[in-house]
């Protein structure tokens, strides 16, 4: 493999490691998985998010009760992503869409960008500085959840905010009976 192609491959691997790191933050918050959440940050990182400015452990201790008391479910969705890597430092901008199903049955939706400086220390990319740029917020209409009348809808596991969520199940297997809607059978 020529040197240019090898350099491009290394850059691609770094970018994937960085995306995985950013995903750890989102999944860790949504599933209330403290260890996964903290794995996105260097312990001495600084995060500026709304009224909060501080370290990763304090951020988790501030954000979890807010989400736990306010919402029954949250989704921190990561969207457009740009990444500039220079040696062991990367600067990223990642658009996000936050959706929360509030305890009062309303739906809160907000959008903005995470602007991060990541550092590779001991071969691992983690966030060293995060600024959360909140750009808009609103309420989305509440509608019934789809397929709520299906008796075994959560037969493979009900959504949860802990390690009982189906996404943690290993190996993932289907526990529901086969059911093909009428007219689609072979």
Protein backbone atom coordinates (compact mmCIF):
# COMPACT_ATOMS: atom_id res chain seq x y z
CA UNK A 1 0.00 0.00 0.00
CA UNK A 2 1.43 3.39 -0.95
CA UNK A 3 2.14 6.04 1.70
CA UNK A 4 -0.71 8.36 0.60
CA UNK A 5 -3.30 5.60 0.81
CA UNK A 6 -1.96 4.47 4.18
CA UNK A 7 -2.16 8.05 5.52
CA UNK A 8 -5.76 8.31 4.28
CA UNK A 9 -6.59 5.02 5.98
CA UNK A 10 -5.10 6.23 9.29
CA UNK A 11 -7.14 9.44 9.01
CA UNK A 12 -10.31 7.42 8.36
CA UNK A 13 -9.65 5.22 11.40
CA UNK A 14 -9.11 8.33 13.57
CA UNK A 15 -12.34 9.87 12.31
CA UNK A 16 -14.25 6.67 13.11
CA UNK A 17 -12.76 6.54 16.61
CA UNK A 18 -13.86 10.15 17.10
CA UNK A 19 -17.41 9.41 15.90
CA UNK A 20 -17.57 6.41 18.24
CA UNK A 21 -16.47 8.66 21.11
CA UNK A 22 -19.22 11.19 20.35
CA UNK A 23 -21.76 8.36 20.18
CA UNK A 24 -20.71 7.20 23.66
CA UNK A 25 -21.82 10.55 25.07
CA UNK A 26 -25.26 10.34 23.42
CA UNK A 27 -25.96 6.70 24.20
CA UNK A 28 -24.55 7.02 27.70
CA UNK A 29 -26.93 9.89 28.52
CA UNK A 30 -29.98 8.30 26.90
CA UNK A 31 -29.43 4.93 28.60
CA UNK A 32 -28.22 6.47 31.92
CA UNK A 33 -25.01 4.48 31.46
CA UNK A 34 -22.59 6.59 33.51
CA UNK A 35 -19.47 4.62 32.53
CA UNK A 36 -20.24 4.87 28.82
CA UNK A 37 -21.05 8.58 29.15
CA UNK A 38 -17.79 9.29 30.99
CA UNK A 39 -15.79 7.26 28.44
CA UNK A 40 -16.44 10.05 25.91
CA UNK A 41 -14.42 12.56 27.96
CA UNK A 42 -10.96 12.90 29.38
CA UNK A 43 -11.37 13.19 33.18
CA UNK A 44 -10.03 16.77 33.10
CA UNK A 45 -12.32 17.88 30.27
CA UNK A 46 -14.38 21.05 30.47
CA UNK A 47 -17.95 21.12 29.17
CA UNK A 48 -20.06 24.26 28.69
CA UNK A 49 -23.74 23.30 28.25
CA UNK A 50 -26.52 25.77 29.03
CA UNK A 51 -26.01 26.99 32.61
CA UNK A 52 -23.45 24.24 33.32
CA UNK A 53 -19.68 24.69 33.00
CA UNK A 54 -17.56 21.98 34.57
CA UNK A 55 -16.07 18.49 34.38
CA UNK A 56 -17.62 15.28 32.96
CA UNK A 57 -18.57 13.69 36.30
CA UNK A 58 -20.32 16.84 37.46
CA UNK A 59 -22.06 17.13 34.07
CA UNK A 60 -23.49 13.62 34.40
CA UNK A 61 -24.61 14.28 37.99
CA UNK A 62 -26.33 17.50 36.82
CA UNK A 63 -27.88 16.18 33.59
CA UNK A 64 -29.14 12.77 34.67
CA UNK A 65 -31.61 13.99 37.33
CA UNK A 66 -32.83 16.71 34.96
CA UNK A 67 -33.60 14.11 32.27
CA UNK A 68 -34.85 11.51 34.75
CA UNK A 69 -37.29 13.89 36.40
CA UNK A 70 -38.36 15.67 33.22
CA UNK A 71 -38.57 12.95 30.57
CA UNK A 72 -39.51 9.30 30.24
CA UNK A 73 -37.23 8.98 27.19
CA UNK A 74 -34.55 11.06 25.47
CA UNK A 75 -32.77 10.82 22.14
CA UNK A 76 -29.54 12.74 21.58
CA UNK A 77 -29.25 12.31 17.79
CA UNK A 78 -25.96 13.17 16.06
CA UNK A 79 -26.24 14.55 12.53
CA UNK A 80 -23.84 16.46 10.24
CA UNK A 81 -20.26 16.09 11.37
CA UNK A 82 -17.06 17.85 10.38
CA UNK A 83 -13.67 16.92 11.75
CA UNK A 84 -10.23 18.50 11.41
CA UNK A 85 -7.37 16.42 12.77
CA UNK A 86 -3.88 17.74 13.41
CA UNK A 87 -1.63 15.24 15.13
CA UNK A 88 -3.19 14.26 18.45
CA UNK A 89 -5.76 17.07 18.43
CA UNK A 90 -9.07 17.19 16.57
CA UNK A 91 -11.67 19.94 16.27
CA UNK A 92 -15.18 18.84 15.42
CA UNK A 93 -18.58 20.36 14.82
CA UNK A 94 -21.51 17.96 15.15
CA UNK A 95 -25.09 19.02 14.61
CA UNK A 96 -27.55 17.45 17.02
CA UNK A 97 -31.27 16.99 17.40
CA UNK A 98 -32.48 16.39 20.94
CA UNK A 99 -35.93 14.91 21.49
CA UNK A 100 -37.43 14.21 24.88
CA UNK A 101 -40.75 12.58 25.72
CA UNK A 102 -41.73 14.64 28.76
CA UNK A 103 -43.49 13.17 31.78
CA UNK A 104 -46.51 15.37 31.03
CA UNK A 105 -46.79 13.56 27.63
CA UNK A 106 -45.51 16.57 25.66
CA UNK A 107 -42.49 16.25 23.37
CA UNK A 108 -39.58 18.65 23.67
CA UNK A 109 -37.32 19.06 20.66
CA UNK A 110 -34.18 21.16 20.37
CA UNK A 111 -31.33 21.52 17.94
CA UNK A 112 -27.85 22.86 17.94
CA UNK A 113 -24.22 21.90 17.58
CA UNK A 114 -21.59 20.29 19.74
CA UNK A 115 -18.27 22.02 19.11
CA UNK A 116 -15.51 19.85 20.51
CA UNK A 117 -11.78 19.70 20.89
CA UNK A 118 -10.71 16.09 21.21
CA UNK A 119 -7.29 14.86 22.18
CA UNK A 120 -5.70 11.50 21.59
CA UNK A 121 -3.98 10.44 24.80
CA UNK A 122 -2.38 7.01 25.13
CA UNK A 123 -3.87 6.19 21.72
CA UNK A 124 -7.49 6.97 22.71
CA UNK A 125 -9.59 9.88 21.37
CA UNK A 126 -11.75 11.64 23.96
CA UNK A 127 -13.35 15.04 24.35
CA UNK A 128 -11.13 17.58 26.13
CA UNK A 129 -13.40 20.63 25.65
CA UNK A 130 -17.05 20.83 24.60
CA UNK A 131 -19.21 23.83 23.87
CA UNK A 132 -22.90 23.14 23.34
CA UNK A 133 -24.40 25.71 20.97
CA UNK A 134 -28.20 25.53 21.41
CA UNK A 135 -29.87 27.13 18.38
CA UNK A 136 -33.60 26.42 18.69
CA UNK A 137 -36.17 24.65 20.83
CA UNK A 138 -39.88 23.89 20.78
CA UNK A 139 -42.67 21.46 21.51
CA UNK A 140 -43.78 18.84 18.99
CA UNK A 141 -47.39 17.61 18.92
CA UNK A 142 -48.11 14.50 20.94
CA UNK A 143 -49.53 11.53 19.07
CA UNK A 144 -50.19 7.98 20.22
CA UNK A 145 -47.18 5.70 19.94
CA UNK A 146 -47.45 3.57 16.79
CA UNK A 147 -48.44 -0.10 17.11
CA UNK A 148 -49.37 0.30 20.80
CA UNK A 149 -52.13 -2.28 20.26
CA UNK A 150 -49.69 -5.08 19.31
CA UNK A 151 -49.76 -7.42 22.35
CA UNK A 152 -46.11 -8.56 22.15
CA UNK A 153 -44.68 -5.29 20.81
CA UNK A 154 -42.01 -5.32 23.53
CA UNK A 155 -41.48 -9.07 23.44
CA UNK A 156 -37.85 -8.47 22.50
CA UNK A 157 -37.51 -6.02 25.39
CA UNK A 158 -39.12 -2.74 26.32
CA UNK A 159 -37.20 0.46 25.80
CA UNK A 160 -35.44 1.45 28.99
CA UNK A 161 -32.98 3.90 30.44
CA UNK A 162 -30.58 1.35 31.83
CA UNK A 163 -28.84 -1.86 30.97
CA UNK A 164 -32.21 -3.65 30.74
CA UNK A 165 -32.73 -1.83 27.41
CA UNK A 166 -32.72 -4.33 24.50
CA UNK A 167 -29.61 -2.66 22.99
CA UNK A 168 -27.49 -4.24 25.74
CA UNK A 169 -28.74 -7.79 25.15
CA UNK A 170 -26.01 -10.16 23.94
CA UNK A 171 -26.60 -12.08 21.89
CA UNK A 172 -29.54 -10.21 20.44
CA UNK A 173 -32.25 -12.72 19.55
CA UNK A 174 -35.86 -12.45 18.42
CA UNK A 175 -38.37 -13.67 21.02
CA UNK A 176 -41.53 -12.68 19.13
CA UNK A 177 -43.67 -15.05 17.08
CA UNK A 178 -43.62 -14.61 13.31
CA UNK A 179 -46.42 -12.34 12.19
CA UNK A 180 -46.63 -11.14 8.60
CA UNK A 181 -49.42 -8.63 7.86
CA UNK A 182 -52.19 -10.02 5.61
CA UNK A 183 -51.50 -9.73 1.91
CA UNK A 184 -47.71 -9.90 2.23
CA UNK A 185 -47.30 -13.66 2.54
CA UNK A 186 -45.58 -15.44 -0.33
